[in-house]
Amino acid sequence: MKELHVVHCIDTEGPLNETLEATFERIKHIYHIELEPSEETLKKLQNGEIKLDGKEDSIKSTLNPHFLNYKNSWKLIDDLFNNSLSKKFRDQFKDSYGNGWIYNWHCVDHVDFQYNPRGREIGYHKIYDYVSKKLTETDSKEDGLHFHYHPHPMIKHAHLCATRWLGPTDKLFQVLSRRVIDRNWFPAVNRPGFQVTRPDSHWFLEQFIPFDYASLSTEEETHTQQFDLSAGRSGDWRRAPLTWAPYHPSHEDYQVPGNCNRWISRCLNIGTRFANVNLFEVERAFKEVDEGKNVILSFADHDFRDFRKDVEEAYNLLTTVQKKYPNIKFKYSEGAKAMREALNLKKDNHCNFNIKLNKIDEKAFVLNVESDKDIFGPQPYLSIKSKKGEYFHDNFDFQIPKRKWTYTFDEETLPIELVDKIGVAANNSIGQTSVEVYDVLSGKITSTKHN
């Protein structure tokens, strides 16, 4: 019996509020059309009753009442989670093996903003901690807990988008370094914030994170009238394969197959204004499985909308198409597990690290890190927390590539007497994660394994 893995990714961002005025601001930003905000005008736009140079249908889609029905408080988010994570809800939508729905939670941190008009939850770990606690409370052992990062705009406004991960206002290393040291966690699976990949994020992921549910490739561009998406400004996957089979990207162009080590999976939207999964695409996935391809059907939405509607829609698409392919079973999957099983990746064990801190003299200490097997990427992710509560990331010195590294604490880096904790994290090639946190004062090492 052939098998189709189904991965539901949720960009998990917490509550979001959008006032009537903010909705019209967004219309102006997307379409460069300025209208006086009113409920009456909004209704007319939703009904396509205002002539706008052929943009009526696109605007009508953007202003779908479901899309505007935001979960704007933790109470609403909590009500949604309590219902959607319940066994009763999941079991309404069983896969071919009789298993209930599985979610993959890609948690973001909203940090270091000066203006927050949409009421984002600001602070490190806030959303990650909420989801972790909720998964424990609901015994949601099959769900995935993964990574999502929003690039920071040049001006620190929490409702604006950006494309670069490594700019002067970005907090990527702060987010990850804290996640390693404070929560003993590091990602193996990524979902790109704002649907954006660029060379800097592409090359960063290639160093550390093996699985990326990212590609929004579609048969044709249906969003050219939306200025924020047109001409590759956001969600640019115009050159990427249309197949549902994951691929290794090229070093020079993440959209085309090449010789990089990480895997990119196609991941269309559901329940939003562009690039949505549909009957044609689900049928493509089943057809490719039938042809013997290694396929993952994945789609993404947000936790600030009622994603239960998206679950029902996706389930209806799956069961409708499966009637044409009785020889294929569909299986809900956690993101890393889906990659391993669909791609037939060779089974392996987690990396085990041997970590020692050696004193050279009173002013120099060397951290020695050795793995018992090759890691994914050239080096582990190094996190350092100072006694002042500052967090740093740095490169190792390479002794044996993919196996052995050192890092020197002295006046050129950070004197060891100023260091509180050191974090070392890495994946192996099949997305199994090892995290080590070294307490400098006690010498105690906390080891954690994920995936």
Protein backbone atom coordinates (compact mmCIF):
# COMPACT_ATOMS: atom_id res chain seq x y z
CA MET A 1 0.00 0.00 0.00
CA LYS A 2 1.37 3.41 -0.99
CA GLU A 3 1.38 6.29 1.47
CA LEU A 4 0.95 10.09 1.36
CA HIS A 5 2.29 12.05 4.32
CA VAL A 6 0.19 15.08 5.27
CA VAL A 7 1.79 17.87 7.31
CA HIS A 8 -0.28 20.74 8.72
CA CYS A 9 1.99 23.64 9.74
CA ILE A 10 0.66 26.47 11.89
CA ASP A 11 2.61 29.73 12.04
CA THR A 12 2.06 30.24 15.75
CA GLU A 13 2.14 33.94 16.57
CA GLY A 14 -0.36 34.50 19.37
CA PRO A 15 -3.21 37.05 19.42
CA LEU A 16 -3.59 39.60 16.63
CA ASN A 17 -5.90 42.58 16.57
CA GLU A 18 -6.94 44.57 13.50
CA THR A 19 -9.29 47.53 13.86
CA LEU A 20 -11.51 48.74 11.03
CA GLU A 21 -9.07 51.58 10.39
CA ALA A 22 -6.15 49.14 10.32
CA THR A 23 -7.96 46.98 7.77
CA PHE A 24 -8.25 49.97 5.44
CA GLU A 25 -4.60 50.81 6.07
CA ARG A 26 -3.78 47.30 4.91
CA ILE A 27 -5.90 47.73 1.78
CA LYS A 28 -3.89 50.84 1.00
CA HIS A 29 -0.61 48.99 1.60
CA ILE A 30 -1.55 45.96 -0.50
CA TYR A 31 -3.41 47.64 -3.38
CA HIS A 32 -2.38 51.32 -3.19
CA ILE A 33 -6.06 52.24 -2.96
CA GLU A 34 -7.14 54.77 -0.34
CA LEU A 35 -10.72 54.58 0.95
CA GLU A 36 -12.49 56.16 3.88
CA PRO A 37 -12.91 53.50 6.59
CA SER A 38 -16.49 52.46 7.35
CA GLU A 39 -18.42 49.26 7.96
CA GLU A 40 -20.61 50.07 4.95
CA THR A 41 -17.60 50.39 2.62
CA LEU A 42 -16.10 47.20 4.02
CA LYS A 43 -19.31 45.27 3.27
CA LYS A 44 -19.38 46.63 -0.28
CA LEU A 45 -15.77 45.61 -0.81
CA GLN A 46 -16.51 42.14 0.53
CA ASN A 47 -19.39 41.88 -1.95
CA GLY A 48 -17.35 43.25 -4.87
CA GLU A 49 -19.71 46.20 -5.26
CA ILE A 50 -17.10 48.95 -5.65
CA LYS A 51 -15.33 49.20 -9.01
CA LEU A 52 -11.56 49.24 -8.51
CA ASP A 53 -9.89 48.77 -11.90
CA GLY A 54 -10.29 45.01 -12.02
CA LYS A 55 -9.06 44.42 -8.47
CA GLU A 56 -12.53 43.69 -7.09
CA ASP A 57 -12.15 39.90 -6.81
CA SER A 58 -8.68 40.11 -5.28
CA ILE A 59 -9.82 42.62 -2.67
CA LYS A 60 -12.93 40.57 -2.01
CA SER A 61 -10.72 37.56 -1.27
CA THR A 62 -8.39 39.57 0.98
CA LEU A 63 -11.35 40.84 3.01
CA ASN A 64 -13.03 37.45 3.41
CA PRO A 65 -14.89 37.69 6.76
CA HIS A 66 -13.17 34.52 7.95
CA PHE A 67 -9.77 36.10 7.32
CA LEU A 68 -10.75 39.20 9.33
CA ASN A 69 -12.13 37.24 12.28
CA TYR A 70 -8.93 37.44 14.28
CA LYS A 71 -8.32 35.84 17.66
CA ASN A 72 -7.31 39.08 19.34
CA SER A 73 -6.89 37.91 22.95
CA TRP A 74 -5.33 35.01 24.80
CA LYS A 75 -8.82 34.03 25.96
CA LEU A 76 -9.91 33.49 22.35
CA ILE A 77 -6.67 31.71 21.50
CA ASP A 78 -7.08 29.48 24.55
CA ASP A 79 -10.67 28.58 23.66
CA LEU A 80 -9.53 27.67 20.13
CA PHE A 81 -6.63 25.54 21.38
CA ASN A 82 -8.68 23.74 24.01
CA ASN A 83 -11.19 22.63 21.39
CA SER A 84 -8.89 21.97 18.43
CA LEU A 85 -6.33 20.00 20.44
CA SER A 86 -8.95 17.78 22.03
CA LYS A 87 -9.19 14.15 21.03
CA LYS A 88 -12.87 14.68 20.24
CA PHE A 89 -12.05 17.31 17.61
CA ARG A 90 -9.01 15.53 16.16
CA ASP A 91 -10.90 12.25 15.80
CA GLN A 92 -13.54 13.85 13.60
CA PHE A 93 -10.88 13.92 10.86
CA LYS A 94 -9.08 10.59 11.00
CA ASP A 95 -6.45 9.57 8.48
CA SER A 96 -6.37 6.24 6.65
CA TYR A 97 -4.91 4.56 9.74
CA GLY A 98 -7.64 5.79 12.08
CA ASN A 99 -5.41 8.41 13.72
CA GLY A 100 -6.65 11.89 14.59
CA TRP A 101 -5.39 15.18 13.21
CA ILE A 102 -1.77 16.24 13.89
CA TYR A 103 -0.52 19.84 14.04
CA ASN A 104 2.97 21.30 13.67
CA TRP A 105 3.36 24.44 15.80
CA HIS A 106 5.98 26.87 14.44
CA CYS A 107 6.45 29.31 17.31
CA VAL A 108 7.68 32.87 16.83
CA ASP A 109 9.06 35.41 19.35
CA HIS A 110 7.91 39.03 18.94
CA VAL A 111 10.74 41.05 20.53
CA ASP A 112 12.40 44.46 20.51
CA PHE A 113 9.63 46.54 18.94
CA GLN A 114 8.86 50.17 19.69
CA TYR A 115 5.38 50.26 18.13
CA ASN A 116 2.84 47.46 18.37
CA PRO A 117 -0.54 48.59 16.96
CA ARG A 118 -1.88 45.05 16.37
CA GLY A 119 -1.41 43.94 19.97
CA ARG A 120 1.25 41.29 19.40
CA GLU A 121 2.44 39.39 22.47
CA ILE A 122 5.90 40.86 23.06
CA GLY A 123 8.65 38.90 24.81
CA TYR A 124 11.00 35.96 24.55
CA HIS A 125 9.48 32.48 24.91
CA LYS A 126 5.94 33.81 25.43
CA ILE A 127 4.34 31.86 22.57
CA TYR A 128 6.69 28.87 22.79
CA ASP A 129 5.91 28.48 26.49
CA TYR A 130 2.18 28.76 25.94
CA VAL A 131 2.18 26.07 23.24
CA SER A 132 4.53 23.77 25.19
CA LYS A 133 2.27 23.96 28.22
CA LYS A 134 -0.86 23.42 26.14
CA LEU A 135 0.62 20.36 24.40
CA THR A 136 1.40 18.86 27.81
CA GLU A 137 -2.03 19.66 29.22
CA THR A 138 -3.82 18.07 26.26
CA ASP A 139 -1.43 15.10 25.98
CA SER A 140 -0.69 16.10 22.38
CA LYS A 141 2.37 13.88 22.04
CA GLU A 142 2.18 13.49 18.26
CA ASP A 143 2.23 17.23 17.46
CA GLY A 144 5.43 18.94 16.34
CA LEU A 145 7.02 21.93 18.09
CA HIS A 146 9.06 23.86 15.55
CA PHE A 147 10.57 27.21 14.51
CA HIS A 148 9.23 30.37 12.92
CA TYR A 149 11.12 33.67 12.70
CA HIS A 150 9.88 37.10 11.64
CA PRO A 151 12.60 39.27 10.10
CA HIS A 152 12.58 42.72 11.69
CA PRO A 153 11.79 45.84 9.66
CA MET A 154 14.27 48.69 9.72
CA ILE A 155 11.86 50.68 11.84
CA LYS A 156 10.79 48.71 14.91
CA HIS A 157 7.08 48.34 14.11
CA ALA A 158 5.69 44.93 15.02
CA HIS A 159 3.06 44.86 12.25
CA LEU A 160 5.47 45.40 9.34
CA CYS A 161 7.23 42.77 7.24
CA ALA A 162 10.87 42.40 6.19
CA THR A 163 13.05 39.94 4.29
CA ARG A 164 16.50 39.79 5.89
CA TRP A 165 17.46 37.63 8.86
CA LEU A 166 20.85 39.14 9.59
CA GLY A 167 20.25 42.90 9.61
CA PRO A 168 21.13 45.37 12.37
CA THR A 169 17.62 45.28 13.89
CA ASP A 170 17.19 41.51 13.73
CA LYS A 171 17.08 39.31 16.82
CA LEU A 172 17.58 35.86 15.30
CA PHE A 173 20.60 35.01 17.45
CA GLN A 174 18.94 36.37 20.59
CA VAL A 175 15.87 34.22 19.98
CA LEU A 176 17.82 31.04 19.29
CA SER A 177 20.47 31.53 21.98
CA ARG A 178 17.80 32.01 24.62
CA ARG A 179 15.81 29.04 23.33
CA VAL A 180 18.91 26.85 23.69
CA ILE A 181 20.01 28.00 27.15
CA ASP A 182 16.68 28.87 28.77
CA ARG A 183 14.56 26.08 27.31
CA ASN A 184 17.08 23.39 26.27
CA TRP A 185 15.60 23.46 22.78
CA PHE A 186 16.78 23.95 19.21
CA PRO A 187 14.85 23.61 15.93
CA ALA A 188 15.07 20.91 13.30
CA VAL A 189 12.14 22.16 11.20
CA ASN A 190 11.61 25.71 9.90
CA ARG A 191 8.73 27.71 8.45
CA PRO A 192 9.84 31.05 6.93
CA GLY A 193 8.29 34.15 8.44
CA PHE A 194 6.32 36.31 5.98
CA GLN A 195 6.75 33.42 3.48
CA VAL A 196 10.20 34.89 2.74
CA THR A 197 13.49 33.19 2.01
CA ARG A 198 16.54 35.14 0.85
CA PRO A 199 20.25 34.24 0.53
CA ASP A 200 21.04 35.13 4.17
CA SER A 201 18.29 32.95 5.64
CA HIS A 202 18.96 30.23 3.05
CA TRP A 203 22.61 30.00 4.06
CA PHE A 204 21.85 30.25 7.78
CA LEU A 205 19.40 27.35 7.57
CA GLU A 206 21.92 25.34 5.59
CA GLN A 207 24.27 25.55 8.57
CA PHE A 208 21.88 24.38 11.25
CA ILE A 209 18.33 23.30 10.32
CA PRO A 210 17.78 20.32 7.98
CA PHE A 211 14.06 20.61 7.17
CA ASP A 212 12.25 23.62 5.70
CA TYR A 213 8.51 23.70 4.89
CA ALA A 214 8.75 26.72 2.68
CA SER A 215 8.06 26.58 -1.06
CA LEU A 216 4.95 28.39 -2.29
CA SER A 217 5.41 27.44 -5.93
CA THR A 218 2.13 27.59 -7.88
CA GLU A 219 1.06 26.95 -11.47
CA GLU A 220 0.52 30.65 -12.03
CA GLU A 221 0.82 33.85 -10.04
CA THR A 222 -2.62 34.73 -8.74
CA HIS A 223 -1.51 37.62 -6.56
CA THR A 224 0.07 40.05 -9.06
CA GLN A 225 -2.47 42.72 -8.08
CA GLN A 226 -1.26 42.59 -4.48
CA PHE A 227 1.66 45.01 -4.33
CA ASP A 228 3.19 43.49 -1.18
CA LEU A 229 3.46 40.11 -2.94
CA SER A 230 4.12 41.06 -6.55
CA ALA A 231 7.45 40.82 -8.39
CA GLY A 232 8.91 38.51 -5.78
CA ARG A 233 8.72 40.98 -2.92
CA SER A 234 7.34 38.36 -0.54
CA GLY A 235 6.61 34.68 -0.93
CA ASP A 236 8.84 34.44 -4.00
CA TRP A 237 8.96 30.83 -5.22
CA ARG A 238 8.42 31.48 -8.92
CA ARG A 239 11.35 29.27 -10.02
CA ALA A 240 10.74 26.43 -7.58
CA PRO A 241 9.57 22.94 -8.60
CA LEU A 242 5.82 22.35 -8.70
CA THR A 243 6.22 18.80 -7.45
CA TRP A 244 5.27 17.76 -3.89
CA ALA A 245 8.58 15.88 -3.60
CA PRO A 246 11.05 17.73 -1.30
CA TYR A 247 14.37 18.77 -2.83
CA HIS A 248 17.89 19.82 -1.89
CA PRO A 249 18.29 23.48 -2.96
CA SER A 250 21.11 25.01 -4.94
CA HIS A 251 23.66 27.02 -2.96
CA GLU A 252 23.18 30.01 -5.25
CA ASP A 253 19.40 29.81 -5.67
CA TYR A 254 17.21 28.28 -2.98
CA GLN A 255 14.37 27.89 -5.49
CA VAL A 256 16.06 25.33 -7.73
CA PRO A 257 17.39 21.85 -6.93
CA GLY A 258 21.10 21.63 -6.19
CA ASN A 259 23.75 20.26 -3.85
CA CYS A 260 22.84 21.75 -0.47
CA ASN A 261 22.19 19.38 2.42
CA ARG A 262 18.87 20.56 3.80
CA TRP A 263 15.49 19.61 2.40
CA ILE A 264 12.86 22.09 1.22
CA SER A 265 9.27 20.91 1.03
CA ARG A 266 6.51 22.62 -0.85
CA CYS A 267 4.02 24.10 1.62
CA LEU A 268 1.03 25.99 0.25
CA ASN A 269 -1.31 28.16 2.25
CA ILE A 270 -4.79 27.35 3.45
CA GLY A 271 -7.34 29.86 4.65
CA THR A 272 -5.56 32.98 3.44
CA ARG A 273 -5.46 35.40 0.49
CA PHE A 274 -3.04 33.66 -1.90
CA ALA A 275 -1.34 30.40 -2.91
CA ASN A 276 -3.93 28.17 -1.26
CA VAL A 277 -3.95 24.40 -1.54
CA ASN A 278 -6.87 23.16 -3.64
CA LEU A 279 -8.36 20.05 -5.21
CA PHE A 280 -5.95 20.20 -8.16
CA GLU A 281 -2.91 20.30 -5.88
CA VAL A 282 -4.13 17.51 -3.61
CA GLU A 283 -4.76 15.38 -6.69
CA ARG A 284 -1.23 16.18 -7.89
CA ALA A 285 0.11 14.84 -4.57
CA PHE A 286 -1.82 11.59 -4.80
CA LYS A 287 -0.82 11.18 -8.45
CA GLU A 288 2.87 11.66 -7.62
CA VAL A 289 2.67 9.06 -4.86
CA ASP A 290 1.05 6.70 -7.35
CA GLU A 291 4.00 7.34 -9.70
CA GLY A 292 6.44 6.31 -6.98
CA LYS A 293 7.70 9.75 -5.93
CA ASN A 294 8.65 10.57 -2.33
CA VAL A 295 5.90 13.04 -1.51
CA ILE A 296 4.80 15.25 1.38
CA LEU A 297 1.57 17.25 1.08
CA SER A 298 1.90 20.22 3.43
CA PHE A 299 -0.03 23.42 4.03
CA ALA A 300 0.13 26.29 6.50
CA ASP A 301 -2.15 28.74 8.30
CA HIS A 302 -2.11 30.83 11.50
CA ASP A 303 -3.24 30.39 15.08
CA PHE A 304 -4.84 33.85 15.16
CA ARG A 305 -7.62 32.61 12.88
CA ASP A 306 -10.02 29.74 13.45
CA PHE A 307 -7.91 27.05 11.81
CA ARG A 308 -10.58 24.43 12.53
CA LYS A 309 -12.22 25.53 9.27
CA ASP A 310 -8.94 24.83 7.49
CA VAL A 311 -8.72 21.36 9.04
CA GLU A 312 -12.21 20.56 7.77
CA GLU A 313 -11.43 21.93 4.31
CA ALA A 314 -8.18 19.98 4.03
CA TYR A 315 -9.85 16.79 5.23
CA ASN A 316 -12.61 17.14 2.65
CA LEU A 317 -10.01 17.60 -0.09
CA LEU A 318 -8.08 14.53 1.06
CA THR A 319 -11.08 12.22 1.32
CA THR A 320 -12.50 13.44 -2.00
CA VAL A 321 -9.30 12.75 -3.92
CA GLN A 322 -8.51 9.49 -2.14
CA LYS A 323 -11.65 7.94 -3.67
CA LYS A 324 -9.79 8.06 -7.00
CA TYR A 325 -6.71 6.42 -5.45
CA PRO A 326 -7.92 3.54 -3.23
CA ASN A 327 -4.39 2.09 -3.31
CA ILE A 328 -2.98 5.09 -1.41
CA LYS A 329 -3.35 5.76 2.31
CA PHE A 330 -2.89 9.27 3.68
CA LYS A 331 -1.13 9.71 7.00
CA TYR A 332 -0.97 12.77 9.27
CA SER A 333 2.60 13.44 10.35
CA GLU A 334 4.88 15.57 12.48
CA GLY A 335 7.20 17.56 10.20
CA ALA A 336 10.56 15.89 10.92
CA LYS A 337 9.04 12.41 10.98
CA ALA A 338 7.35 13.03 7.63
CA MET A 339 10.67 13.97 6.03
CA ARG A 340 12.40 10.90 7.42
CA GLU A 341 9.68 8.48 6.36
CA ALA A 342 8.68 10.00 3.01
CA LEU A 343 12.29 10.37 1.87
CA ASN A 344 13.38 7.01 3.31
CA LEU A 345 16.20 8.65 5.21
CA LYS A 346 18.54 6.19 6.87
CA LYS A 347 17.78 5.63 10.55
CA ASP A 348 20.31 7.02 12.98
CA ASN A 349 20.79 7.93 16.64
CA HIS A 350 21.06 11.40 18.13
CA CYS A 351 24.49 12.99 18.29
CA ASN A 352 26.15 12.59 21.67
CA PHE A 353 28.53 15.35 22.71
CA ASN A 354 31.59 15.17 24.91
CA ILE A 355 32.10 18.65 26.39
CA LYS A 356 35.02 19.77 28.53
CA LEU A 357 36.22 23.17 29.68
CA ASN A 358 40.01 23.22 30.06
CA LYS A 359 42.01 25.88 31.87
CA ILE A 360 45.03 27.15 29.93
CA ASP A 361 46.03 29.81 32.44
CA GLU A 362 44.27 32.35 34.66
CA LYS A 363 42.99 34.32 31.68
CA ALA A 364 42.28 31.65 29.08
CA PHE A 365 39.92 28.67 29.07
CA VAL A 366 39.16 26.42 26.09
CA LEU A 367 35.82 24.70 25.54
CA ASN A 368 36.28 21.36 23.76
CA VAL A 369 33.23 19.88 22.01
CA GLU A 370 33.25 16.53 20.23
CA SER A 371 30.37 14.63 18.62
CA ASP A 372 30.28 10.85 18.29
CA LYS A 373 28.92 11.18 14.73
CA ASP A 374 28.72 13.74 11.96
CA ILE A 375 26.28 16.57 12.66
CA PHE A 376 24.12 18.36 10.13
CA GLY A 377 25.99 21.46 9.05
CA PRO A 378 29.59 22.46 9.70
CA GLN A 379 29.34 23.35 13.40
CA PRO A 380 26.95 23.20 16.35
CA TYR A 381 25.05 26.33 17.34
CA LEU A 382 26.98 28.01 20.17
CA SER A 383 25.10 30.07 22.78
CA ILE A 384 26.68 31.99 25.65
CA LYS A 385 24.89 33.61 28.59
CA SER A 386 26.81 36.10 30.69
CA LYS A 387 26.33 36.63 34.42
CA LYS A 388 24.73 39.98 33.52
CA GLY A 389 22.00 38.12 31.63
CA GLU A 390 23.33 38.95 28.15
CA TYR A 391 23.11 36.34 25.39
CA PHE A 392 25.68 35.83 22.63
CA HIS A 393 26.21 33.56 19.64
CA ASP A 394 29.61 32.91 18.10
CA ASN A 395 31.49 30.57 15.79
CA PHE A 396 33.58 27.64 16.96
CA ASP A 397 37.16 26.96 15.89
CA PHE A 398 37.22 23.84 13.73
CA GLN A 399 39.43 20.90 14.68
CA ILE A 400 37.76 18.06 12.78
CA PRO A 401 34.94 19.26 10.46
CA LYS A 402 31.50 18.02 11.52
CA ARG A 403 32.99 16.23 14.54
CA LYS A 404 35.26 18.32 16.80
CA TRP A 405 35.46 22.02 17.70
CA THR A 406 36.94 24.37 20.29
CA TYR A 407 36.11 27.82 21.60
CA THR A 408 38.43 30.04 23.62
CA PHE A 409 37.20 32.23 26.46
CA ASP A 410 39.60 35.11 27.02
CA GLU A 411 39.86 38.90 26.56
CA GLU A 412 39.12 38.57 22.81
CA THR A 413 35.81 36.82 23.39
CA LEU A 414 34.43 36.77 26.94
CA PRO A 415 36.49 36.01 30.04
CA ILE A 416 35.19 32.83 31.67
CA GLU A 417 34.57 34.59 34.99
CA LEU A 418 31.86 36.61 33.25
CA VAL A 419 30.10 33.54 31.81
CA ASP A 420 27.08 31.91 33.44
CA LYS A 421 26.08 29.19 30.95
CA ILE A 422 27.18 27.77 27.60
CA GLY A 423 24.78 26.11 25.18
CA VAL A 424 25.70 23.71 22.38
CA ALA A 425 23.01 22.47 19.98
CA ALA A 426 22.99 20.50 16.74
CA ASN A 427 20.88 18.24 14.57
CA ASN A 428 21.99 15.12 12.80
CA SER A 429 21.22 14.68 9.12
CA ILE A 430 17.74 13.29 9.80
CA GLY A 431 16.62 16.09 12.11
CA GLN A 432 17.23 14.54 15.53
CA THR A 433 18.24 17.31 17.91
CA SER A 434 20.80 17.30 20.73
CA VAL A 435 21.10 20.21 23.17
CA GLU A 436 23.76 20.55 25.89
CA VAL A 437 23.78 23.36 28.46
CA TYR A 438 26.94 23.72 30.56
CA ASP A 439 26.73 25.52 33.91
CA VAL A 440 30.14 27.14 34.36
CA LEU A 441 29.98 27.53 38.13
CA SER A 442 28.91 23.98 38.98
CA GLY A 443 30.32 22.19 35.92
CA LYS A 444 26.97 20.43 35.50
CA ILE A 445 25.82 19.60 31.96
CA THR A 446 22.12 19.26 31.11
CA SER A 447 21.57 17.06 28.04
CA THR A 448 18.29 17.06 26.12
CA LYS A 449 17.24 15.11 23.04
CA HIS A 450 14.35 16.05 20.71
CA ASN A 451 12.67 14.51 17.66
